[in-house]
């Protein structure tokens, strides 16, 4: 699959995941923490394709979340853009194994999302508005994201939405 085609399919996938997370998953299983599948896709695509594609995908993910949720306009767009950019900084610098690295990487990325959300809220929003970072639900989101990471990584690799490792010779 060509790089541009896979990038546009990734954008479509992120939009579908945001819609599912905000509507179907939320109403199908209320009062339960839902993994941030779109964040996982953004992080892996950024890490495998680079900073530019990571931040564009992150921005579009955040913009879609801002549109679908009642958060402040631009809040998720800023946080997810930074995550896509930072994930892109490790392009071609890490060897991805199929299980351990995706889980640890997404654990770190989800924790980073919480820290960036807290810092952004502290800097730009009125007093009293802070995301629920380091709460039980956020810790559960970290665990769920880490558990689903290897499966999503495998799906992205098998569908060629992320390129193979540079060390694999492909």
C-alpha atoms as a PDB file:
ATOM      1  CA  UNK A   1       0.000   0.000   0.000  1.00  0.00           C
ATOM      2  CA  UNK A   2       1.315   3.430  -0.855  1.00  0.00           C
ATOM      3  CA  UNK A   3       2.269   5.777   1.933  1.00  0.00           C
ATOM      4  CA  UNK A   4      -0.320   8.441   1.093  1.00  0.00           C
ATOM      5  CA  UNK A   5      -3.094   5.867   0.824  1.00  0.00           C
ATOM      6  CA  UNK A   6      -2.205   4.339   4.187  1.00  0.00           C
ATOM      7  CA  UNK A   7      -2.051   7.804   5.773  1.00  0.00           C
ATOM      8  CA  UNK A   8      -5.533   8.716   4.538  1.00  0.00           C
ATOM      9  CA  UNK A   9      -6.868   5.349   5.662  1.00  0.00           C
ATOM     10  CA  UNK A  10      -5.296   6.033   9.080  1.00  0.00           C
ATOM     11  CA  UNK A  11      -7.106   9.377   9.216  1.00  0.00           C
ATOM     12  CA  UNK A  12     -10.384   7.645   8.386  1.00  0.00           C
ATOM     13  CA  UNK A  13      -9.681   4.965  10.999  1.00  0.00           C
ATOM     14  CA  UNK A  14      -9.014   7.579  13.681  1.00  0.00           C
ATOM     15  CA  UNK A  15     -12.268   9.407  12.854  1.00  0.00           C
ATOM     16  CA  UNK A  16     -14.211   6.144  13.035  1.00  0.00           C
ATOM     17  CA  UNK A  17     -12.598   5.259  16.367  1.00  0.00           C
ATOM     18  CA  UNK A  18     -13.356   8.693  17.830  1.00  0.00           C
ATOM     19  CA  UNK A  19     -16.985   8.377  16.765  1.00  0.00           C
ATOM     20  CA  UNK A  20     -17.231   4.863  18.211  1.00  0.00           C
ATOM     21  CA  UNK A  21     -15.539   5.891  21.469  1.00  0.00           C
ATOM     22  CA  UNK A  22     -17.773   8.934  21.863  1.00  0.00           C
ATOM     23  CA  UNK A  23     -21.066   7.275  20.962  1.00  0.00           C
ATOM     24  CA  UNK A  24     -21.442   3.525  20.611  1.00  0.00           C
ATOM     25  CA  UNK A  25     -18.879   2.374  23.192  1.00  0.00           C
ATOM     26  CA  UNK A  26     -19.972   5.037  25.654  1.00  0.00           C
ATOM     27  CA  UNK A  27     -23.638   4.056  25.480  1.00  0.00           C
ATOM     28  CA  UNK A  28     -23.033   0.302  25.175  1.00  0.00           C
ATOM     29  CA  UNK A  29     -20.968   0.123  28.347  1.00  0.00           C
ATOM     30  CA  UNK A  30     -21.822   3.128  30.551  1.00  0.00           C
ATOM     31  CA  UNK A  31     -19.871   3.880  33.723  1.00  0.00           C
ATOM     32  CA  UNK A  32     -16.899   1.871  32.503  1.00  0.00           C
ATOM     33  CA  UNK A  33     -13.612   3.310  31.293  1.00  0.00           C
ATOM     34  CA  UNK A  34     -13.177   2.963  27.542  1.00  0.00           C
ATOM     35  CA  UNK A  35      -9.679   2.585  26.085  1.00  0.00           C
ATOM     36  CA  UNK A  36      -8.513   5.436  23.880  1.00  0.00           C
ATOM     37  CA  UNK A  37      -8.106   3.439  20.662  1.00  0.00           C
ATOM     38  CA  UNK A  38      -7.610   6.578  18.562  1.00  0.00           C
ATOM     39  CA  UNK A  39      -4.701   7.641  20.795  1.00  0.00           C
ATOM     40  CA  UNK A  40      -3.094   4.233  20.301  1.00  0.00           C
ATOM     41  CA  UNK A  41      -3.381   4.537  16.511  1.00  0.00           C
ATOM     42  CA  UNK A  42      -1.957   8.080  16.576  1.00  0.00           C
ATOM     43  CA  UNK A  43       0.982   7.013  18.735  1.00  0.00           C
ATOM     44  CA  UNK A  44       1.881   3.996  16.600  1.00  0.00           C
ATOM     45  CA  UNK A  45       1.468   5.873  13.315  1.00  0.00           C
ATOM     46  CA  UNK A  46       3.589   8.718  14.642  1.00  0.00           C
ATOM     47  CA  UNK A  47       6.290   6.367  15.918  1.00  0.00           C
ATOM     48  CA  UNK A  48       6.450   4.430  12.657  1.00  0.00           C
ATOM     49  CA  UNK A  49       5.927   7.284  10.141  1.00  0.00           C
ATOM     50  CA  UNK A  50       7.536  10.286  11.808  1.00  0.00           C
ATOM     51  CA  UNK A  51       6.791  13.596  13.451  1.00  0.00           C
ATOM     52  CA  UNK A  52       4.946  15.321  10.617  1.00  0.00           C
ATOM     53  CA  UNK A  53       2.402  12.570   9.985  1.00  0.00           C
ATOM     54  CA  UNK A  54       2.102  11.926  13.732  1.00  0.00           C
ATOM     55  CA  UNK A  55       1.226  15.507  14.540  1.00  0.00           C
ATOM     56  CA  UNK A  56      -1.215  15.850  11.614  1.00  0.00           C
ATOM     57  CA  UNK A  57      -2.967  12.641  12.638  1.00  0.00           C
ATOM     58  CA  UNK A  58      -2.913  13.747  16.288  1.00  0.00           C
ATOM     59  CA  UNK A  59      -4.357  17.139  15.426  1.00  0.00           C
ATOM     60  CA  UNK A  60      -7.188  15.607  13.401  1.00  0.00           C
ATOM     61  CA  UNK A  61      -7.854  13.104  16.187  1.00  0.00           C
ATOM     62  CA  UNK A  62      -8.003  15.871  18.783  1.00  0.00           C
ATOM     63  CA  UNK A  63     -10.157  18.074  16.574  1.00  0.00           C
ATOM     64  CA  UNK A  64     -12.626  15.221  16.098  1.00  0.00           C
ATOM     65  CA  UNK A  65     -12.699  14.629  19.863  1.00  0.00           C
ATOM     66  CA  UNK A  66     -13.248  18.329  20.522  1.00  0.00           C
ATOM     67  CA  UNK A  67     -16.156  18.259  18.099  1.00  0.00           C
ATOM     68  CA  UNK A  68     -17.679  15.065  19.542  1.00  0.00           C
ATOM     69  CA  UNK A  69     -17.271  15.883  23.238  1.00  0.00           C
ATOM     70  CA  UNK A  70     -18.050  18.830  25.447  1.00  0.00           C
ATOM     71  CA  UNK A  71     -14.422  19.758  26.095  1.00  0.00           C
ATOM     72  CA  UNK A  72     -12.972  23.182  25.483  1.00  0.00           C
ATOM     73  CA  UNK A  73     -12.408  23.775  21.749  1.00  0.00           C
ATOM     74  CA  UNK A  74      -8.819  22.996  20.842  1.00  0.00           C
ATOM     75  CA  UNK A  75      -7.964  21.240  24.114  1.00  0.00           C
ATOM     76  CA  UNK A  76      -7.767  17.708  22.708  1.00  0.00           C
ATOM     77  CA  UNK A  77      -6.353  18.994  19.417  1.00  0.00           C
ATOM     78  CA  UNK A  78      -3.372  20.527  21.243  1.00  0.00           C
ATOM     79  CA  UNK A  79      -2.746  17.518  23.473  1.00  0.00           C
ATOM     80  CA  UNK A  80      -3.037  14.937  20.681  1.00  0.00           C
ATOM     81  CA  UNK A  81      -0.903  17.038  18.296  1.00  0.00           C
ATOM     82  CA  UNK A  82       1.877  17.088  20.888  1.00  0.00           C
ATOM     83  CA  UNK A  83       1.533  13.339  21.419  1.00  0.00           C
ATOM     84  CA  UNK A  84       1.701  12.629  17.680  1.00  0.00           C
ATOM     85  CA  UNK A  85       4.761  14.854  17.362  1.00  0.00           C
ATOM     86  CA  UNK A  86       6.551  13.343  20.367  1.00  0.00           C
ATOM     87  CA  UNK A  87       5.750   9.802  19.232  1.00  0.00           C
ATOM     88  CA  UNK A  88       7.211  10.690  15.841  1.00  0.00           C
ATOM     89  CA  UNK A  89      10.554  11.592  17.401  1.00  0.00           C
ATOM     90  CA  UNK A  90      11.367   7.892  17.887  1.00  0.00           C
ATOM     91  CA  UNK A  91      10.924   6.995  14.202  1.00  0.00           C
ATOM     92  CA  UNK A  92      13.646   4.544  13.159  1.00  0.00           C
ATOM     93  CA  UNK A  93      15.260   4.755  16.600  1.00  0.00           C
ATOM     94  CA  UNK A  94      13.518   1.847  18.301  1.00  0.00           C
ATOM     95  CA  UNK A  95      13.051  -1.801  17.450  1.00  0.00           C
ATOM     96  CA  UNK A  96       9.404  -2.769  17.898  1.00  0.00           C
ATOM     97  CA  UNK A  97       8.751  -6.271  19.150  1.00  0.00           C
ATOM     98  CA  UNK A  98       5.127  -7.428  18.777  1.00  0.00           C
ATOM     99  CA  UNK A  99       4.069  -7.505  22.454  1.00  0.00           C
ATOM    100  CA  UNK A 100       6.238  -5.879  25.103  1.00  0.00           C
ATOM    101  CA  UNK A 101       7.262  -2.660  23.379  1.00  0.00           C
ATOM    102  CA  UNK A 102       3.756  -1.713  22.177  1.00  0.00           C
ATOM    103  CA  UNK A 103       2.385  -2.186  25.699  1.00  0.00           C
ATOM    104  CA  UNK A 104       5.141  -0.182  27.375  1.00  0.00           C
ATOM    105  CA  UNK A 105       5.081   2.481  24.683  1.00  0.00           C
ATOM    106  CA  UNK A 106       1.314   3.013  25.002  1.00  0.00           C
ATOM    107  CA  UNK A 107       1.553   2.981  28.809  1.00  0.00           C
ATOM    108  CA  UNK A 108       4.043   5.842  28.530  1.00  0.00           C
ATOM    109  CA  UNK A 109       1.991   7.658  25.852  1.00  0.00           C
ATOM    110  CA  UNK A 110      -1.220   7.460  27.917  1.00  0.00           C
ATOM    111  CA  UNK A 111       0.629   8.753  30.977  1.00  0.00           C
ATOM    112  CA  UNK A 112       2.045  11.542  28.802  1.00  0.00           C
ATOM    113  CA  UNK A 113      -1.485  12.380  27.622  1.00  0.00           C
ATOM    114  CA  UNK A 114      -2.540  12.847  31.247  1.00  0.00           C
ATOM    115  CA  UNK A 115       0.436  15.046  32.054  1.00  0.00           C
ATOM    116  CA  UNK A 116      -0.025  17.181  28.919  1.00  0.00           C
ATOM    117  CA  UNK A 117      -3.750  17.528  29.632  1.00  0.00           C
ATOM    118  CA  UNK A 118      -3.027  18.664  33.193  1.00  0.00           C
ATOM    119  CA  UNK A 119      -0.367  21.182  32.127  1.00  0.00           C
ATOM    120  CA  UNK A 120      -2.568  22.517  29.315  1.00  0.00           C
ATOM    121  CA  UNK A 121      -5.542  22.891  31.650  1.00  0.00           C
ATOM    122  CA  UNK A 122      -3.392  24.647  34.241  1.00  0.00           C
ATOM    123  CA  UNK A 123      -1.946  27.106  31.710  1.00  0.00           C
ATOM    124  CA  UNK A 124      -4.962  27.946  29.584  1.00  0.00           C
ATOM    125  CA  UNK A 125      -8.203  27.250  31.420  1.00  0.00           C
ATOM    126  CA  UNK A 126     -10.005  28.803  34.371  1.00  0.00           C
ATOM    127  CA  UNK A 127      -9.304  27.667  37.891  1.00  0.00           C
ATOM    128  CA  UNK A 128     -11.033  24.501  38.882  1.00  0.00           C
ATOM    129  CA  UNK A 129     -10.903  22.872  35.441  1.00  0.00           C
ATOM    130  CA  UNK A 130      -8.531  19.971  35.617  1.00  0.00           C
ATOM    131  CA  UNK A 131      -8.784  16.657  33.817  1.00  0.00           C
ATOM    132  CA  UNK A 132      -9.144  13.620  36.064  1.00  0.00           C
ATOM    133  CA  UNK A 133      -5.509  12.642  35.823  1.00  0.00           C
ATOM    134  CA  UNK A 134      -4.149  10.070  38.231  1.00  0.00           C
ATOM    135  CA  UNK A 135      -7.621   9.051  39.300  1.00  0.00           C
ATOM    136  CA  UNK A 136      -8.754   5.443  39.390  1.00  0.00           C
ATOM    137  CA  UNK A 137     -10.447   5.805  36.014  1.00  0.00           C
ATOM    138  CA  UNK A 138      -7.294   7.231  34.427  1.00  0.00           C
ATOM    139  CA  UNK A 139      -5.176   4.435  35.880  1.00  0.00           C
ATOM    140  CA  UNK A 140      -7.665   1.940  34.460  1.00  0.00           C
ATOM    141  CA  UNK A 141      -7.412   3.682  31.069  1.00  0.00           C
ATOM    142  CA  UNK A 142      -3.624   3.295  31.201  1.00  0.00           C
ATOM    143  CA  UNK A 143      -3.980  -0.433  31.893  1.00  0.00           C
ATOM    144  CA  UNK A 144      -6.635  -0.962  29.202  1.00  0.00           C
ATOM    145  CA  UNK A 145      -4.670   0.986  26.583  1.00  0.00           C
ATOM    146  CA  UNK A 146      -1.568  -1.079  27.390  1.00  0.00           C
ATOM    147  CA  UNK A 147      -3.505  -4.351  27.127  1.00  0.00           C
ATOM    148  CA  UNK A 148      -5.055  -3.456  23.752  1.00  0.00           C
ATOM    149  CA  UNK A 149      -1.815  -2.002  22.327  1.00  0.00           C
ATOM    150  CA  UNK A 150      -0.290  -5.263  20.999  1.00  0.00           C
ATOM    151  CA  UNK A 151      -3.536  -6.201  19.232  1.00  0.00           C
ATOM    152  CA  UNK A 152      -3.896  -2.789  17.589  1.00  0.00           C
ATOM    153  CA  UNK A 153      -0.201  -2.786  16.661  1.00  0.00           C
ATOM    154  CA  UNK A 154      -0.630  -6.196  15.012  1.00  0.00           C
ATOM    155  CA  UNK A 155      -3.718  -5.019  13.102  1.00  0.00           C
ATOM    156  CA  UNK A 156      -1.926  -1.881  11.898  1.00  0.00           C
ATOM    157  CA  UNK A 157       1.080  -3.931  10.740  1.00  0.00           C
ATOM    158  CA  UNK A 158      -0.993  -6.616   9.002  1.00  0.00           C
ATOM    159  CA  UNK A 159      -3.050  -3.998   7.149  1.00  0.00           C
ATOM    160  CA  UNK A 160       0.156  -2.088   6.264  1.00  0.00           C
ATOM    161  CA  UNK A 161      -1.087   1.112   7.889  1.00  0.00           C
ATOM    162  CA  UNK A 162       2.281   1.360   9.596  1.00  0.00           C
ATOM    163  CA  UNK A 163       5.540   0.426   7.857  1.00  0.00           C
ATOM    164  CA  UNK A 164       7.695  -2.518   8.867  1.00  0.00           C
ATOM    165  CA  UNK A 165      10.731  -2.052  11.071  1.00  0.00           C
ATOM    166  CA  UNK A 166      13.808  -0.788   9.273  1.00  0.00           C
ATOM    167  CA  UNK A 167      15.748  -3.703  10.785  1.00  0.00           C
ATOM    168  CA  UNK A 168      13.451  -6.374   9.381  1.00  0.00           C
ATOM    169  CA  UNK A 169      14.820  -5.921   5.854  1.00  0.00           C
ATOM    170  CA  UNK A 170      11.408  -5.376   4.277  1.00  0.00           C
END
